[in-house]
N, C-alpha and C. Protein backbone atom coordinates (compact mmCIF):
# COMPACT_ATOMS: atom_id res chain seq x y z
N UNK A 1 -69.33 95.48 -114.87
CA UNK A 1 -70.31 96.29 -114.17
C UNK A 1 -70.29 97.71 -114.76
N UNK A 2 -71.43 98.26 -115.02
CA UNK A 2 -71.48 99.61 -115.56
C UNK A 2 -71.95 100.58 -114.47
N UNK A 3 -71.53 101.82 -114.61
CA UNK A 3 -71.99 102.88 -113.72
C UNK A 3 -72.93 103.76 -114.52
N UNK A 4 -74.19 103.84 -114.06
CA UNK A 4 -75.18 104.64 -114.75
C UNK A 4 -75.07 106.09 -114.31
N UNK A 5 -75.22 107.01 -115.27
CA UNK A 5 -75.16 108.44 -114.97
C UNK A 5 -76.42 109.11 -115.49
N UNK A 6 -76.72 110.29 -114.93
CA UNK A 6 -77.96 110.95 -115.33
C UNK A 6 -77.92 111.42 -116.78
N UNK A 7 -76.73 111.53 -117.37
CA UNK A 7 -76.62 111.91 -118.78
C UNK A 7 -77.05 110.78 -119.71
N UNK A 8 -77.10 109.54 -119.18
CA UNK A 8 -77.46 108.39 -120.00
C UNK A 8 -78.94 108.43 -120.35
N UNK A 9 -79.27 107.91 -121.52
CA UNK A 9 -80.68 107.79 -121.90
C UNK A 9 -81.35 106.75 -121.00
N UNK A 10 -82.66 106.85 -120.80
CA UNK A 10 -83.35 105.86 -119.97
C UNK A 10 -83.10 104.45 -120.50
N UNK A 11 -82.84 103.51 -119.58
CA UNK A 11 -82.56 102.12 -119.95
C UNK A 11 -83.88 101.38 -120.12
N UNK A 12 -84.00 100.66 -121.23
CA UNK A 12 -85.18 99.84 -121.49
C UNK A 12 -85.13 98.62 -120.58
N UNK A 13 -86.20 98.38 -119.83
CA UNK A 13 -86.25 97.25 -118.90
C UNK A 13 -87.03 96.08 -119.48
N UNK A 14 -87.14 96.03 -120.81
CA UNK A 14 -87.81 94.91 -121.46
C UNK A 14 -87.15 93.60 -121.04
N UNK A 15 -87.94 92.64 -120.60
CA UNK A 15 -87.41 91.36 -120.15
C UNK A 15 -87.10 91.32 -118.67
N UNK A 16 -87.06 92.49 -118.02
CA UNK A 16 -86.82 92.53 -116.57
C UNK A 16 -88.19 92.48 -115.89
N UNK A 17 -88.42 91.43 -115.12
CA UNK A 17 -89.70 91.30 -114.41
C UNK A 17 -89.60 91.77 -112.98
N UNK A 18 -88.42 91.61 -112.37
CA UNK A 18 -88.17 92.01 -110.98
C UNK A 18 -86.94 92.91 -110.98
N UNK A 19 -87.10 94.15 -110.50
CA UNK A 19 -86.00 95.10 -110.40
C UNK A 19 -85.81 95.44 -108.93
N UNK A 20 -84.56 95.43 -108.49
CA UNK A 20 -84.26 95.85 -107.13
C UNK A 20 -83.25 96.98 -107.17
N UNK A 21 -83.45 97.95 -106.28
CA UNK A 21 -82.47 99.01 -106.07
C UNK A 21 -82.09 98.98 -104.60
N UNK A 22 -80.78 98.91 -104.36
CA UNK A 22 -80.29 98.86 -102.99
C UNK A 22 -79.38 100.04 -102.71
N UNK A 23 -79.34 100.44 -101.45
CA UNK A 23 -78.41 101.49 -101.03
C UNK A 23 -77.54 100.91 -99.92
N UNK A 24 -76.27 101.26 -99.97
CA UNK A 24 -75.36 100.88 -98.89
C UNK A 24 -74.51 102.08 -98.54
N UNK A 25 -74.06 102.10 -97.29
CA UNK A 25 -73.20 103.18 -96.82
C UNK A 25 -72.40 102.68 -95.65
N UNK A 26 -71.31 103.36 -95.38
CA UNK A 26 -70.46 103.03 -94.24
C UNK A 26 -70.62 104.11 -93.19
N UNK A 27 -70.77 103.71 -91.91
CA UNK A 27 -70.82 104.71 -90.85
C UNK A 27 -69.45 105.33 -90.67
N UNK A 28 -69.42 106.57 -90.21
CA UNK A 28 -68.16 107.26 -90.02
C UNK A 28 -68.23 108.15 -88.79
N UNK A 29 -67.07 108.45 -88.23
CA UNK A 29 -66.99 109.38 -87.12
C UNK A 29 -66.86 110.80 -87.63
N UNK A 30 -66.75 110.95 -88.95
CA UNK A 30 -66.54 112.29 -89.52
C UNK A 30 -65.20 112.82 -89.07
N UNK A 31 -65.14 114.08 -88.70
CA UNK A 31 -63.87 114.66 -88.26
C UNK A 31 -63.71 114.58 -86.75
N UNK A 32 -64.66 113.91 -86.08
CA UNK A 32 -64.58 113.82 -84.62
C UNK A 32 -63.58 112.75 -84.23
N UNK A 33 -62.71 113.09 -83.33
CA UNK A 33 -61.79 112.11 -82.78
C UNK A 33 -62.21 111.77 -81.37
N UNK A 34 -61.38 111.01 -80.69
CA UNK A 34 -61.60 110.72 -79.29
C UNK A 34 -62.89 109.97 -79.02
N UNK A 35 -63.42 110.19 -77.83
CA UNK A 35 -64.61 109.48 -77.38
C UNK A 35 -65.83 109.77 -78.25
N UNK A 36 -66.06 111.04 -78.61
CA UNK A 36 -67.22 111.39 -79.44
C UNK A 36 -67.14 110.71 -80.80
N UNK A 37 -65.96 110.63 -81.38
CA UNK A 37 -65.78 109.96 -82.66
C UNK A 37 -66.11 108.48 -82.56
N UNK A 38 -65.67 107.84 -81.48
CA UNK A 38 -65.96 106.41 -81.29
C UNK A 38 -67.46 106.19 -81.10
N UNK A 39 -68.13 107.08 -80.37
CA UNK A 39 -69.57 106.95 -80.16
C UNK A 39 -70.31 107.13 -81.48
N UNK A 40 -69.93 108.15 -82.27
CA UNK A 40 -70.61 108.38 -83.55
C UNK A 40 -70.42 107.21 -84.50
N UNK A 41 -69.21 106.67 -84.53
CA UNK A 41 -68.96 105.56 -85.44
C UNK A 41 -69.71 104.31 -84.98
N UNK A 42 -69.79 104.08 -83.68
CA UNK A 42 -70.49 102.91 -83.16
C UNK A 42 -72.00 103.05 -83.42
N UNK A 43 -72.55 104.24 -83.23
CA UNK A 43 -73.97 104.47 -83.44
C UNK A 43 -74.34 104.33 -84.91
N UNK A 44 -73.45 104.77 -85.80
CA UNK A 44 -73.71 104.68 -87.23
C UNK A 44 -74.54 105.84 -87.72
N UNK A 45 -74.97 105.74 -88.96
CA UNK A 45 -75.73 106.80 -89.62
C UNK A 45 -77.00 106.19 -90.18
N UNK A 46 -78.10 106.89 -90.03
CA UNK A 46 -79.38 106.38 -90.50
C UNK A 46 -79.78 107.09 -91.79
N UNK A 47 -79.59 106.42 -92.92
CA UNK A 47 -80.13 106.89 -94.20
C UNK A 47 -81.35 106.03 -94.51
N UNK A 48 -82.23 106.52 -95.34
CA UNK A 48 -83.44 105.77 -95.69
C UNK A 48 -83.60 105.72 -97.20
N UNK A 49 -83.87 104.52 -97.71
CA UNK A 49 -84.23 104.34 -99.11
C UNK A 49 -85.75 104.31 -99.18
N UNK A 50 -86.32 105.14 -100.02
CA UNK A 50 -87.77 105.28 -100.11
C UNK A 50 -88.16 105.23 -101.58
N UNK A 51 -89.20 104.47 -101.88
CA UNK A 51 -89.75 104.42 -103.24
C UNK A 51 -91.15 104.99 -103.20
N UNK A 52 -91.42 105.95 -104.07
CA UNK A 52 -92.72 106.60 -104.09
C UNK A 52 -93.41 106.29 -105.42
N UNK A 53 -94.56 105.62 -105.32
CA UNK A 53 -95.34 105.28 -106.51
C UNK A 53 -96.15 106.50 -106.92
N UNK A 54 -96.08 106.82 -108.20
CA UNK A 54 -96.74 108.01 -108.74
C UNK A 54 -97.90 107.61 -109.65
N UNK A 55 -98.97 108.36 -109.57
CA UNK A 55 -100.09 108.25 -110.51
C UNK A 55 -100.13 109.58 -111.24
N UNK A 56 -99.51 109.62 -112.43
CA UNK A 56 -99.31 110.89 -113.11
C UNK A 56 -98.35 111.73 -112.28
N UNK A 57 -98.75 112.94 -111.93
CA UNK A 57 -97.88 113.83 -111.14
C UNK A 57 -98.10 113.68 -109.64
N UNK A 58 -99.03 112.81 -109.23
CA UNK A 58 -99.39 112.70 -107.81
C UNK A 58 -98.74 111.49 -107.15
N UNK A 59 -98.10 111.69 -105.99
CA UNK A 59 -97.60 110.54 -105.23
C UNK A 59 -98.79 109.85 -104.55
N UNK A 60 -98.87 108.51 -104.68
CA UNK A 60 -100.02 107.80 -104.11
C UNK A 60 -99.64 106.72 -103.09
N UNK A 61 -98.42 106.22 -103.13
CA UNK A 61 -97.97 105.21 -102.16
C UNK A 61 -96.48 105.40 -101.91
N UNK A 62 -96.06 105.01 -100.69
CA UNK A 62 -94.67 105.16 -100.28
C UNK A 62 -94.18 103.85 -99.68
N UNK A 63 -93.06 103.32 -100.20
CA UNK A 63 -92.42 102.13 -99.64
C UNK A 63 -91.16 102.58 -98.93
N UNK A 64 -91.05 102.27 -97.66
CA UNK A 64 -89.90 102.67 -96.87
C UNK A 64 -90.37 103.19 -95.54
N UNK A 65 -89.42 103.61 -94.71
CA UNK A 65 -89.72 104.05 -93.35
C UNK A 65 -90.44 102.90 -92.65
N UNK A 66 -91.72 102.99 -92.37
CA UNK A 66 -92.41 101.86 -91.73
C UNK A 66 -93.44 101.20 -92.64
N UNK A 67 -93.37 101.47 -93.94
CA UNK A 67 -94.30 100.90 -94.90
C UNK A 67 -93.54 99.96 -95.84
N UNK A 68 -93.72 98.65 -95.64
CA UNK A 68 -92.90 97.69 -96.38
C UNK A 68 -93.57 97.14 -97.64
N UNK A 69 -94.90 97.14 -97.70
CA UNK A 69 -95.63 96.63 -98.87
C UNK A 69 -96.85 97.54 -99.11
N UNK A 70 -96.61 98.79 -99.55
CA UNK A 70 -97.70 99.78 -99.58
C UNK A 70 -98.81 99.48 -100.58
N UNK A 71 -98.56 98.69 -101.60
CA UNK A 71 -99.60 98.37 -102.56
C UNK A 71 -100.35 97.10 -102.16
N UNK A 72 -99.84 96.41 -101.15
CA UNK A 72 -100.53 95.27 -100.58
C UNK A 72 -100.54 94.01 -101.42
N UNK A 73 -99.77 93.99 -102.50
CA UNK A 73 -99.77 92.80 -103.36
C UNK A 73 -98.37 92.30 -103.69
N UNK A 74 -97.35 92.81 -102.99
CA UNK A 74 -95.98 92.36 -103.22
C UNK A 74 -95.32 92.96 -104.44
N UNK A 75 -95.95 93.97 -105.06
CA UNK A 75 -95.37 94.55 -106.27
C UNK A 75 -94.31 95.61 -105.96
N UNK A 76 -94.33 96.18 -104.77
CA UNK A 76 -93.37 97.21 -104.36
C UNK A 76 -93.04 96.94 -102.90
N UNK A 77 -91.88 96.32 -102.66
CA UNK A 77 -91.56 95.82 -101.33
C UNK A 77 -90.24 96.40 -100.85
N UNK A 78 -90.25 96.90 -99.62
CA UNK A 78 -89.05 97.46 -98.96
C UNK A 78 -88.50 96.42 -97.99
N UNK A 79 -87.18 96.32 -97.89
CA UNK A 79 -86.54 95.31 -97.05
C UNK A 79 -86.59 95.61 -95.56
N UNK A 80 -86.84 96.86 -95.19
CA UNK A 80 -86.85 97.24 -93.77
C UNK A 80 -85.79 98.29 -93.49
N UNK A 81 -85.90 98.92 -92.33
CA UNK A 81 -85.08 100.07 -91.97
C UNK A 81 -83.77 99.65 -91.31
N UNK A 82 -82.65 99.98 -91.93
CA UNK A 82 -81.33 99.81 -91.31
C UNK A 82 -80.96 101.17 -90.75
N UNK A 83 -80.75 101.25 -89.45
CA UNK A 83 -80.54 102.55 -88.82
C UNK A 83 -79.08 102.87 -88.55
N UNK A 84 -78.16 102.04 -89.05
CA UNK A 84 -76.75 102.30 -88.73
C UNK A 84 -75.80 102.23 -89.91
N UNK A 85 -76.16 101.54 -91.00
CA UNK A 85 -75.23 101.34 -92.10
C UNK A 85 -74.25 100.21 -91.84
N UNK A 86 -74.44 99.49 -90.74
CA UNK A 86 -73.55 98.37 -90.41
C UNK A 86 -73.92 97.13 -91.20
N UNK A 87 -72.95 96.29 -91.45
CA UNK A 87 -73.19 95.03 -92.12
C UNK A 87 -72.72 95.07 -93.56
N UNK A 88 -72.60 93.89 -94.11
CA UNK A 88 -72.15 93.74 -95.49
C UNK A 88 -73.32 93.89 -96.46
N UNK A 89 -73.00 94.24 -97.69
CA UNK A 89 -74.02 94.33 -98.74
C UNK A 89 -74.91 95.54 -98.58
N UNK A 90 -76.07 95.47 -99.19
CA UNK A 90 -77.00 96.59 -99.16
C UNK A 90 -77.60 96.74 -97.78
N UNK A 91 -77.75 97.99 -97.36
CA UNK A 91 -78.36 98.27 -96.06
C UNK A 91 -79.88 98.32 -96.17
N UNK A 92 -80.40 98.80 -97.29
CA UNK A 92 -81.84 98.80 -97.55
C UNK A 92 -82.05 98.54 -99.04
N UNK A 93 -83.15 97.85 -99.36
CA UNK A 93 -83.45 97.50 -100.75
C UNK A 93 -84.95 97.66 -101.01
N UNK A 94 -85.28 98.11 -102.23
CA UNK A 94 -86.67 98.12 -102.69
C UNK A 94 -86.73 97.25 -103.94
N UNK A 95 -87.71 96.34 -103.98
CA UNK A 95 -87.89 95.46 -105.13
C UNK A 95 -89.25 95.74 -105.77
N UNK A 96 -89.23 95.82 -107.10
CA UNK A 96 -90.45 96.06 -107.88
C UNK A 96 -90.71 94.83 -108.75
N UNK A 97 -91.92 94.29 -108.67
CA UNK A 97 -92.36 93.21 -109.56
C UNK A 97 -93.32 93.87 -110.56
N UNK A 98 -92.80 94.13 -111.75
CA UNK A 98 -93.50 94.99 -112.70
C UNK A 98 -94.88 94.49 -113.11
N UNK A 99 -95.04 93.18 -113.32
CA UNK A 99 -96.35 92.72 -113.79
C UNK A 99 -97.42 92.75 -112.71
N UNK A 100 -97.03 93.03 -111.45
CA UNK A 100 -98.01 93.16 -110.37
C UNK A 100 -98.35 94.63 -110.06
N UNK A 101 -97.56 95.56 -110.61
CA UNK A 101 -97.82 96.99 -110.33
C UNK A 101 -99.15 97.38 -110.97
N UNK A 102 -100.08 97.93 -110.18
CA UNK A 102 -101.38 98.32 -110.75
C UNK A 102 -101.21 99.27 -111.94
N UNK A 103 -102.11 99.14 -112.90
CA UNK A 103 -101.96 99.87 -114.17
C UNK A 103 -102.03 101.38 -114.01
N UNK A 104 -102.62 101.90 -112.93
CA UNK A 104 -102.70 103.35 -112.76
C UNK A 104 -101.41 103.95 -112.21
N UNK A 105 -100.45 103.11 -111.80
CA UNK A 105 -99.14 103.62 -111.36
C UNK A 105 -98.30 103.87 -112.61
N UNK A 106 -97.89 105.11 -112.82
CA UNK A 106 -97.18 105.49 -114.03
C UNK A 106 -95.67 105.58 -113.84
N UNK A 107 -95.21 105.71 -112.58
CA UNK A 107 -93.78 105.82 -112.31
C UNK A 107 -93.51 105.49 -110.85
N UNK A 108 -92.27 105.12 -110.57
CA UNK A 108 -91.81 104.89 -109.20
C UNK A 108 -90.51 105.65 -109.04
N UNK A 109 -90.47 106.58 -108.09
CA UNK A 109 -89.28 107.40 -107.84
C UNK A 109 -88.54 106.83 -106.63
N UNK A 110 -87.24 106.58 -106.79
CA UNK A 110 -86.42 106.04 -105.72
C UNK A 110 -85.58 107.17 -105.12
N UNK A 111 -85.72 107.36 -103.81
CA UNK A 111 -85.04 108.45 -103.11
C UNK A 111 -84.26 107.89 -101.94
N UNK A 112 -83.06 108.39 -101.73
CA UNK A 112 -82.31 108.11 -100.50
C UNK A 112 -82.25 109.42 -99.73
N UNK A 113 -82.52 109.35 -98.44
CA UNK A 113 -82.58 110.58 -97.66
C UNK A 113 -82.07 110.37 -96.24
N UNK A 114 -81.45 111.41 -95.72
CA UNK A 114 -81.19 111.49 -94.28
C UNK A 114 -82.46 112.11 -93.72
N UNK A 115 -83.49 111.29 -93.62
CA UNK A 115 -84.85 111.76 -93.39
C UNK A 115 -85.14 112.04 -91.91
N UNK A 116 -84.61 111.18 -91.06
CA UNK A 116 -84.91 111.34 -89.64
C UNK A 116 -84.06 112.43 -89.03
N UNK A 117 -84.59 113.09 -88.03
CA UNK A 117 -83.88 114.19 -87.37
C UNK A 117 -82.54 113.70 -86.83
N UNK A 118 -81.55 114.55 -86.92
CA UNK A 118 -80.17 114.30 -86.48
C UNK A 118 -79.45 113.28 -87.36
N UNK A 119 -79.95 112.98 -88.55
CA UNK A 119 -79.19 112.15 -89.48
C UNK A 119 -78.70 113.06 -90.61
N UNK A 120 -77.59 112.67 -91.26
CA UNK A 120 -76.99 113.53 -92.28
C UNK A 120 -76.19 112.70 -93.27
N UNK A 121 -76.24 113.07 -94.54
CA UNK A 121 -75.40 112.43 -95.55
C UNK A 121 -73.92 112.58 -95.19
N UNK A 122 -73.57 113.71 -94.59
CA UNK A 122 -72.17 113.97 -94.27
C UNK A 122 -71.63 113.00 -93.21
N UNK A 123 -72.53 112.27 -92.53
CA UNK A 123 -72.11 111.29 -91.53
C UNK A 123 -72.01 109.89 -92.11
N UNK A 124 -72.13 109.78 -93.43
CA UNK A 124 -72.01 108.49 -94.10
C UNK A 124 -70.90 108.59 -95.15
N UNK A 125 -70.25 107.49 -95.40
CA UNK A 125 -69.21 107.43 -96.42
C UNK A 125 -69.56 106.33 -97.42
N UNK A 126 -69.01 106.48 -98.62
CA UNK A 126 -69.14 105.44 -99.65
C UNK A 126 -70.59 105.07 -99.92
N UNK A 127 -71.44 106.08 -100.06
CA UNK A 127 -72.84 105.82 -100.39
C UNK A 127 -72.88 105.27 -101.82
N UNK A 128 -73.58 104.16 -101.98
CA UNK A 128 -73.63 103.51 -103.28
C UNK A 128 -75.03 102.98 -103.53
N UNK A 129 -75.53 103.18 -104.73
CA UNK A 129 -76.80 102.61 -105.14
C UNK A 129 -76.50 101.52 -106.15
N UNK A 130 -77.13 100.36 -105.96
CA UNK A 130 -76.92 99.24 -106.87
C UNK A 130 -78.25 98.89 -107.52
N UNK A 131 -78.18 98.54 -108.79
CA UNK A 131 -79.35 98.14 -109.55
C UNK A 131 -79.22 96.66 -109.86
N UNK A 132 -80.28 95.90 -109.53
CA UNK A 132 -80.27 94.45 -109.72
C UNK A 132 -81.40 94.02 -110.62
N UNK A 133 -81.11 93.02 -111.46
CA UNK A 133 -82.14 92.31 -112.21
C UNK A 133 -82.41 91.04 -111.40
N UNK A 134 -83.58 90.98 -110.79
CA UNK A 134 -83.93 89.82 -109.96
C UNK A 134 -84.94 88.93 -110.69
N UNK A 135 -84.95 89.00 -112.01
CA UNK A 135 -85.86 88.16 -112.80
C UNK A 135 -85.39 86.72 -112.76
N UNK A 136 -86.32 85.80 -112.87
CA UNK A 136 -85.95 84.39 -112.97
C UNK A 136 -85.48 83.76 -111.69
N UNK A 137 -85.69 84.40 -110.56
CA UNK A 137 -85.36 83.80 -109.28
C UNK A 137 -83.97 84.05 -108.75
N UNK A 138 -83.07 84.60 -109.57
CA UNK A 138 -81.72 84.91 -109.07
C UNK A 138 -81.51 86.42 -109.18
N UNK A 139 -80.71 86.95 -108.26
CA UNK A 139 -80.47 88.38 -108.24
C UNK A 139 -79.08 88.66 -108.76
N UNK A 140 -78.99 89.49 -109.79
CA UNK A 140 -77.72 89.81 -110.41
C UNK A 140 -77.57 91.32 -110.50
N UNK A 141 -76.47 91.84 -109.93
CA UNK A 141 -76.23 93.28 -110.03
C UNK A 141 -75.87 93.62 -111.46
N UNK A 142 -76.55 94.64 -112.01
CA UNK A 142 -76.30 95.03 -113.39
C UNK A 142 -75.67 96.41 -113.51
N UNK A 143 -75.79 97.23 -112.44
CA UNK A 143 -75.25 98.59 -112.54
C UNK A 143 -75.07 99.21 -111.16
N UNK A 144 -74.27 100.26 -111.12
CA UNK A 144 -74.06 101.11 -109.95
C UNK A 144 -74.50 102.52 -110.30
N UNK A 145 -74.93 103.27 -109.28
CA UNK A 145 -75.16 104.70 -109.40
C UNK A 145 -74.43 105.33 -108.23
N UNK A 146 -73.48 106.22 -108.50
CA UNK A 146 -72.68 106.83 -107.44
C UNK A 146 -73.04 108.30 -107.31
N UNK A 147 -73.60 108.70 -106.16
CA UNK A 147 -73.92 110.11 -105.97
C UNK A 147 -72.68 110.91 -105.61
N UNK A 148 -72.72 112.18 -105.87
CA UNK A 148 -71.61 113.07 -105.50
C UNK A 148 -71.53 113.20 -104.00
N UNK A 149 -70.32 113.26 -103.47
CA UNK A 149 -70.12 113.47 -102.04
C UNK A 149 -70.09 114.95 -101.70
N UNK A 150 -70.07 115.82 -102.71
CA UNK A 150 -69.99 117.26 -102.48
C UNK A 150 -71.38 117.86 -102.38
N UNK A 151 -72.04 117.60 -101.27
CA UNK A 151 -73.37 118.17 -101.07
C UNK A 151 -73.63 118.41 -99.60
N UNK A 152 -74.37 119.45 -99.32
CA UNK A 152 -74.88 119.69 -97.97
C UNK A 152 -76.35 119.32 -97.89
N UNK A 153 -76.89 118.76 -98.99
CA UNK A 153 -78.29 118.37 -99.02
C UNK A 153 -78.50 117.09 -98.23
N UNK A 154 -79.75 116.76 -97.96
CA UNK A 154 -80.03 115.53 -97.22
C UNK A 154 -80.91 114.56 -98.00
N UNK A 155 -81.14 114.84 -99.27
CA UNK A 155 -81.91 113.93 -100.10
C UNK A 155 -81.27 113.75 -101.45
N UNK A 156 -81.42 112.55 -102.02
CA UNK A 156 -80.93 112.29 -103.37
C UNK A 156 -81.99 111.48 -104.11
N UNK A 157 -82.52 112.06 -105.18
CA UNK A 157 -83.41 111.32 -106.07
C UNK A 157 -82.50 110.46 -106.94
N UNK A 158 -82.54 109.17 -106.72
CA UNK A 158 -81.60 108.25 -107.36
C UNK A 158 -82.01 107.93 -108.79
N UNK A 159 -83.23 107.43 -108.94
CA UNK A 159 -83.69 106.95 -110.26
C UNK A 159 -85.21 106.94 -110.28
N UNK A 160 -85.73 106.70 -111.48
CA UNK A 160 -87.18 106.68 -111.67
C UNK A 160 -87.50 105.59 -112.68
N UNK A 161 -88.36 104.65 -112.26
CA UNK A 161 -88.88 103.65 -113.20
C UNK A 161 -90.14 104.24 -113.81
N UNK A 162 -90.19 104.28 -115.14
CA UNK A 162 -91.28 104.93 -115.85
C UNK A 162 -92.01 103.90 -116.71
N UNK A 163 -93.34 103.86 -116.55
CA UNK A 163 -94.13 102.95 -117.39
C UNK A 163 -94.16 103.52 -118.81
N UNK A 164 -93.84 102.66 -119.78
CA UNK A 164 -93.82 103.05 -121.19
C UNK A 164 -94.68 102.05 -121.96
N UNK A 165 -95.98 102.31 -121.96
CA UNK A 165 -96.91 101.35 -122.57
C UNK A 165 -96.96 100.09 -121.72
N UNK A 166 -96.62 98.96 -122.32
CA UNK A 166 -96.64 97.69 -121.60
C UNK A 166 -95.31 97.38 -120.92
N UNK A 167 -94.30 98.20 -121.15
CA UNK A 167 -92.99 97.94 -120.55
C UNK A 167 -92.56 99.11 -119.65
N UNK A 168 -91.37 99.00 -119.10
CA UNK A 168 -90.84 100.02 -118.19
C UNK A 168 -89.45 100.45 -118.63
N UNK A 169 -89.07 101.66 -118.25
CA UNK A 169 -87.72 102.17 -118.48
C UNK A 169 -87.18 102.68 -117.15
N UNK A 170 -85.87 102.69 -117.01
CA UNK A 170 -85.22 103.20 -115.80
C UNK A 170 -84.40 104.42 -116.18
N UNK A 171 -84.76 105.55 -115.60
CA UNK A 171 -84.04 106.80 -115.83
C UNK A 171 -83.25 107.15 -114.57
N UNK A 172 -81.96 107.39 -114.73
CA UNK A 172 -81.14 107.83 -113.61
C UNK A 172 -81.36 109.32 -113.40
N UNK A 173 -81.65 109.71 -112.17
CA UNK A 173 -81.85 111.13 -111.84
C UNK A 173 -80.60 111.66 -111.14
N UNK A 174 -80.21 111.03 -110.05
CA UNK A 174 -79.00 111.36 -109.29
C UNK A 174 -78.89 112.87 -109.02
N UNK A 175 -79.96 113.44 -108.45
CA UNK A 175 -79.97 114.86 -108.10
C UNK A 175 -80.26 115.00 -106.62
N UNK A 176 -79.49 115.88 -105.95
CA UNK A 176 -79.69 116.08 -104.52
C UNK A 176 -80.60 117.29 -104.28
N UNK A 177 -81.12 117.36 -103.07
CA UNK A 177 -81.96 118.48 -102.66
C UNK A 177 -82.21 118.44 -101.17
N UNK A 178 -82.77 119.49 -100.66
CA UNK A 178 -83.08 119.56 -99.24
C UNK A 178 -84.51 119.10 -98.99
N UNK A 179 -84.67 118.21 -98.00
CA UNK A 179 -85.97 117.72 -97.57
C UNK A 179 -86.08 118.02 -96.08
N UNK A 180 -87.16 118.66 -95.68
CA UNK A 180 -87.34 118.92 -94.25
C UNK A 180 -87.43 117.58 -93.52
N UNK A 181 -86.53 117.38 -92.57
CA UNK A 181 -86.45 116.10 -91.89
C UNK A 181 -87.74 115.81 -91.12
N UNK A 182 -88.19 114.56 -91.25
CA UNK A 182 -89.39 114.12 -90.56
C UNK A 182 -90.69 114.57 -91.19
N UNK A 183 -90.64 115.23 -92.36
CA UNK A 183 -91.82 115.79 -93.00
C UNK A 183 -92.14 114.98 -94.26
N UNK A 184 -93.16 114.09 -94.16
CA UNK A 184 -93.52 113.24 -95.29
C UNK A 184 -94.03 114.04 -96.49
N UNK A 185 -94.69 115.16 -96.24
CA UNK A 185 -95.18 116.01 -97.33
C UNK A 185 -94.00 116.58 -98.12
N UNK A 186 -92.94 116.98 -97.42
CA UNK A 186 -91.74 117.49 -98.10
C UNK A 186 -91.10 116.39 -98.93
N UNK A 187 -91.11 115.17 -98.43
CA UNK A 187 -90.57 114.03 -99.17
C UNK A 187 -91.38 113.81 -100.45
N UNK A 188 -92.70 113.89 -100.35
CA UNK A 188 -93.57 113.73 -101.52
C UNK A 188 -93.34 114.84 -102.55
N UNK A 189 -93.22 116.07 -102.06
CA UNK A 189 -92.98 117.19 -102.99
C UNK A 189 -91.64 117.01 -103.71
N UNK A 190 -90.63 116.52 -103.01
CA UNK A 190 -89.33 116.26 -103.62
C UNK A 190 -89.48 115.23 -104.74
N UNK A 191 -90.24 114.17 -104.49
CA UNK A 191 -90.48 113.14 -105.52
C UNK A 191 -91.24 113.72 -106.71
N UNK A 192 -92.24 114.58 -106.43
CA UNK A 192 -93.04 115.17 -107.50
C UNK A 192 -92.19 116.03 -108.43
N UNK A 193 -91.14 116.63 -107.89
CA UNK A 193 -90.30 117.52 -108.71
C UNK A 193 -89.38 116.74 -109.64
N UNK A 194 -89.36 115.43 -109.53
CA UNK A 194 -88.45 114.62 -110.35
C UNK A 194 -89.22 113.91 -111.44
């Protein structure tokens, strides 16, 4: 298994027809002990994986939150909202079927965010992004992307799939930033800056 870093050159996705990116995290009580710590750990932490389809510099569709198939043809599909980080494996996943993506979509930006009010990256542990090749009917993890834990930000631009003629490339971004919670326009502006 390889760990992709933002210093790496964009990976050529030639031969990859279905790409999935998943995020997983563990709920934590943070530094709270006692009853409040048990309540926080039981409640969990709500992070959101969001994919934003770009047409040039403009965001045109969003997969995530309550939009599971924003292009309406199965080319960009979100698995649904996990609000606690509980359970094994990925908590949220976005899958891209490249040959179904409309030709005017030039890039897809993948963002993980503590988007909803009262959620925070600092309330999650072991945040991990996994990259899967889901071509040919089976899903195989091909890489990890590990964000830094040293941040007070609430958003992380994980990666960007970029159309390169007839094929696609995957560029690791792995940059954090502040997104106004609950503000979809702020989320779009964050994607545009990547």
